[in-house]
N, C-alpha and C. Protein backbone atom coordinates (compact mmCIF):
# COMPACT_ATOMS: atom_id res chain seq x y z
N MET A 1 -33.43 15.86 -15.67
CA MET A 1 -33.69 15.31 -14.36
C MET A 1 -32.37 14.82 -13.75
N ASN A 2 -32.09 15.24 -12.54
CA ASN A 2 -30.86 14.84 -11.86
C ASN A 2 -31.16 13.65 -10.95
N ILE A 3 -30.63 12.50 -11.31
CA ILE A 3 -30.88 11.29 -10.53
C ILE A 3 -30.10 11.32 -9.21
N PHE A 4 -28.89 11.84 -9.28
CA PHE A 4 -28.01 11.85 -8.11
C PHE A 4 -28.17 13.13 -7.33
N LYS A 5 -28.46 12.99 -6.05
CA LYS A 5 -28.59 14.16 -5.18
C LYS A 5 -27.25 14.43 -4.52
N ARG A 6 -27.08 15.65 -4.11
CA ARG A 6 -25.85 16.00 -3.42
C ARG A 6 -25.81 15.34 -2.06
N MET A 7 -24.64 14.79 -1.72
CA MET A 7 -24.47 14.13 -0.44
C MET A 7 -24.07 15.13 0.62
N ASN A 8 -24.61 14.95 1.81
CA ASN A 8 -24.17 15.75 2.95
C ASN A 8 -22.95 15.05 3.54
N LYS A 9 -21.75 15.53 3.21
CA LYS A 9 -20.53 14.87 3.64
C LYS A 9 -20.19 15.13 5.10
N ALA A 10 -20.87 16.09 5.71
CA ALA A 10 -20.61 16.40 7.11
C ALA A 10 -21.55 15.65 8.05
N PHE A 11 -22.42 14.81 7.51
CA PHE A 11 -23.40 14.08 8.32
C PHE A 11 -22.70 13.06 9.22
N VAL A 12 -23.10 13.03 10.49
CA VAL A 12 -22.59 12.05 11.44
C VAL A 12 -23.81 11.38 12.07
N SER A 13 -23.87 10.06 11.96
CA SER A 13 -25.02 9.34 12.49
C SER A 13 -24.96 9.28 14.02
N LYS A 14 -26.09 8.93 14.63
CA LYS A 14 -26.16 8.78 16.08
C LYS A 14 -25.23 7.67 16.56
N ILE A 15 -25.14 6.60 15.78
CA ILE A 15 -24.25 5.50 16.14
C ILE A 15 -22.79 5.96 16.11
N ASP A 16 -22.41 6.72 15.07
CA ASP A 16 -21.05 7.24 15.00
C ASP A 16 -20.73 8.17 16.17
N GLU A 17 -21.70 8.99 16.55
CA GLU A 17 -21.50 9.88 17.70
C GLU A 17 -21.29 9.08 18.98
N PHE A 18 -22.10 8.03 19.17
CA PHE A 18 -21.96 7.17 20.34
C PHE A 18 -20.60 6.48 20.36
N MET A 19 -20.18 5.93 19.21
CA MET A 19 -18.90 5.23 19.14
C MET A 19 -17.73 6.18 19.41
N GLN A 20 -17.81 7.39 18.90
CA GLN A 20 -16.76 8.38 19.14
C GLN A 20 -16.70 8.73 20.63
N GLN A 21 -17.85 8.91 21.27
CA GLN A 21 -17.90 9.21 22.70
C GLN A 21 -17.33 8.03 23.50
N PHE A 22 -17.69 6.81 23.12
CA PHE A 22 -17.18 5.62 23.79
C PHE A 22 -15.66 5.53 23.67
N ASP A 23 -15.14 5.77 22.46
CA ASP A 23 -13.69 5.71 22.23
C ASP A 23 -12.96 6.77 23.05
N ASN A 24 -13.56 7.93 23.20
CA ASN A 24 -12.92 9.00 23.98
C ASN A 24 -12.92 8.70 25.47
N GLN A 25 -13.91 7.97 25.96
CA GLN A 25 -14.02 7.68 27.38
C GLN A 25 -13.25 6.44 27.81
N ASN A 26 -12.94 5.55 26.88
CA ASN A 26 -12.28 4.29 27.21
C ASN A 26 -10.94 4.18 26.49
N SER A 27 -9.97 3.59 27.18
CA SER A 27 -8.66 3.41 26.56
C SER A 27 -8.69 2.21 25.62
N LYS A 28 -7.70 2.16 24.75
CA LYS A 28 -7.62 1.07 23.79
C LYS A 28 -7.13 -0.21 24.47
N SER A 29 -7.59 -1.34 23.98
CA SER A 29 -7.17 -2.64 24.53
C SER A 29 -5.78 -2.99 23.97
N ASN A 30 -5.18 -4.02 24.54
CA ASN A 30 -3.86 -4.47 24.07
C ASN A 30 -3.92 -4.90 22.60
N SER A 31 -4.97 -5.59 22.23
CA SER A 31 -5.08 -6.04 20.84
C SER A 31 -5.26 -4.87 19.88
N GLN A 32 -5.98 -3.82 20.31
CA GLN A 32 -6.12 -2.63 19.47
C GLN A 32 -4.77 -1.93 19.30
N GLU A 33 -4.00 -1.84 20.38
CA GLU A 33 -2.68 -1.21 20.31
C GLU A 33 -1.77 -1.99 19.36
N LYS A 34 -1.80 -3.31 19.43
CA LYS A 34 -0.99 -4.13 18.53
C LYS A 34 -1.40 -3.94 17.08
N GLU A 35 -2.71 -3.85 16.85
CA GLU A 35 -3.22 -3.65 15.50
C GLU A 35 -2.77 -2.30 14.95
N ILE A 36 -2.81 -1.27 15.78
CA ILE A 36 -2.37 0.07 15.36
C ILE A 36 -0.89 0.04 15.00
N GLU A 37 -0.07 -0.59 15.82
CA GLU A 37 1.36 -0.69 15.55
C GLU A 37 1.63 -1.48 14.27
N LYS A 38 0.87 -2.55 14.06
CA LYS A 38 1.02 -3.36 12.85
C LYS A 38 0.77 -2.51 11.61
N HIS A 39 -0.29 -1.72 11.63
CA HIS A 39 -0.62 -0.93 10.47
C HIS A 39 0.32 0.26 10.28
N LYS A 40 0.87 0.77 11.36
CA LYS A 40 1.90 1.82 11.23
C LYS A 40 3.12 1.26 10.51
N THR A 41 3.51 0.04 10.86
CA THR A 41 4.65 -0.60 10.22
C THR A 41 4.37 -0.87 8.75
N ILE A 42 3.18 -1.36 8.45
CA ILE A 42 2.80 -1.61 7.06
C ILE A 42 2.83 -0.31 6.28
N PHE A 43 2.27 0.76 6.83
CA PHE A 43 2.26 2.06 6.18
C PHE A 43 3.68 2.55 5.92
N LYS A 44 4.55 2.40 6.90
CA LYS A 44 5.93 2.87 6.78
C LYS A 44 6.65 2.15 5.64
N HIS A 45 6.46 0.85 5.54
CA HIS A 45 7.16 0.09 4.51
C HIS A 45 6.49 0.16 3.14
N ARG A 46 5.20 0.36 3.12
CA ARG A 46 4.49 0.37 1.85
C ARG A 46 4.55 1.73 1.17
N ASP A 47 4.35 2.81 1.93
CA ASP A 47 4.17 4.12 1.34
C ASP A 47 5.41 5.00 1.35
N HIS A 48 6.47 4.56 1.97
CA HIS A 48 7.67 5.38 2.05
C HIS A 48 8.87 4.56 1.57
N LYS A 49 9.61 5.16 0.66
CA LYS A 49 10.77 4.47 0.13
C LYS A 49 11.84 4.39 1.21
N ILE A 50 12.36 3.21 1.41
CA ILE A 50 13.43 3.00 2.38
C ILE A 50 14.72 2.84 1.59
N ASN A 51 15.68 3.72 1.84
CA ASN A 51 16.94 3.66 1.11
C ASN A 51 17.75 2.46 1.57
N GLN A 52 17.97 1.57 0.64
CA GLN A 52 18.79 0.40 0.92
C GLN A 52 19.84 0.31 -0.16
N LYS A 53 21.06 0.00 0.23
CA LYS A 53 22.13 -0.14 -0.75
C LYS A 53 21.98 -1.49 -1.44
N LYS A 54 22.16 -1.45 -2.74
CA LYS A 54 22.08 -2.69 -3.50
C LYS A 54 23.37 -3.47 -3.31
N SER A 55 23.24 -4.72 -2.96
CA SER A 55 24.42 -5.53 -2.73
C SER A 55 24.86 -6.28 -3.98
N SER A 56 24.03 -6.28 -5.00
CA SER A 56 24.39 -7.01 -6.22
C SER A 56 24.74 -6.03 -7.33
N SER A 57 25.55 -6.50 -8.25
CA SER A 57 25.93 -5.69 -9.40
C SER A 57 25.05 -6.07 -10.58
N PRO A 58 25.00 -5.23 -11.60
CA PRO A 58 24.16 -5.56 -12.75
C PRO A 58 24.67 -6.82 -13.46
N VAL A 59 23.75 -7.52 -14.08
CA VAL A 59 24.08 -8.76 -14.79
C VAL A 59 24.75 -8.41 -16.10
N LYS A 60 25.87 -9.06 -16.39
CA LYS A 60 26.56 -8.86 -17.66
C LYS A 60 26.23 -10.04 -18.57
N TRP A 61 25.40 -9.78 -19.55
CA TRP A 61 24.97 -10.84 -20.47
C TRP A 61 26.01 -11.02 -21.56
N PRO A 62 26.25 -12.26 -21.96
CA PRO A 62 27.22 -12.48 -23.06
C PRO A 62 26.64 -12.01 -24.38
N LYS A 63 27.52 -11.54 -25.24
CA LYS A 63 27.07 -11.09 -26.57
C LYS A 63 26.92 -12.29 -27.48
N ASP A 64 25.93 -12.26 -28.34
CA ASP A 64 25.69 -13.36 -29.27
C ASP A 64 26.63 -13.28 -30.46
């Protein structure tokens, strides 16, 4: 007996269709634009290595 049924991954609810239509007809607010920019910056710094020169030299520990 298969407890788990296959999911329809292409399903879009009526609410999702309405929200998509609303988003297409209306421009984004200032706060939405700021939020988008904030997350672009977070993505850039989190997921992409930024080459920075190391300003410090390795620590030279004294021998015992």
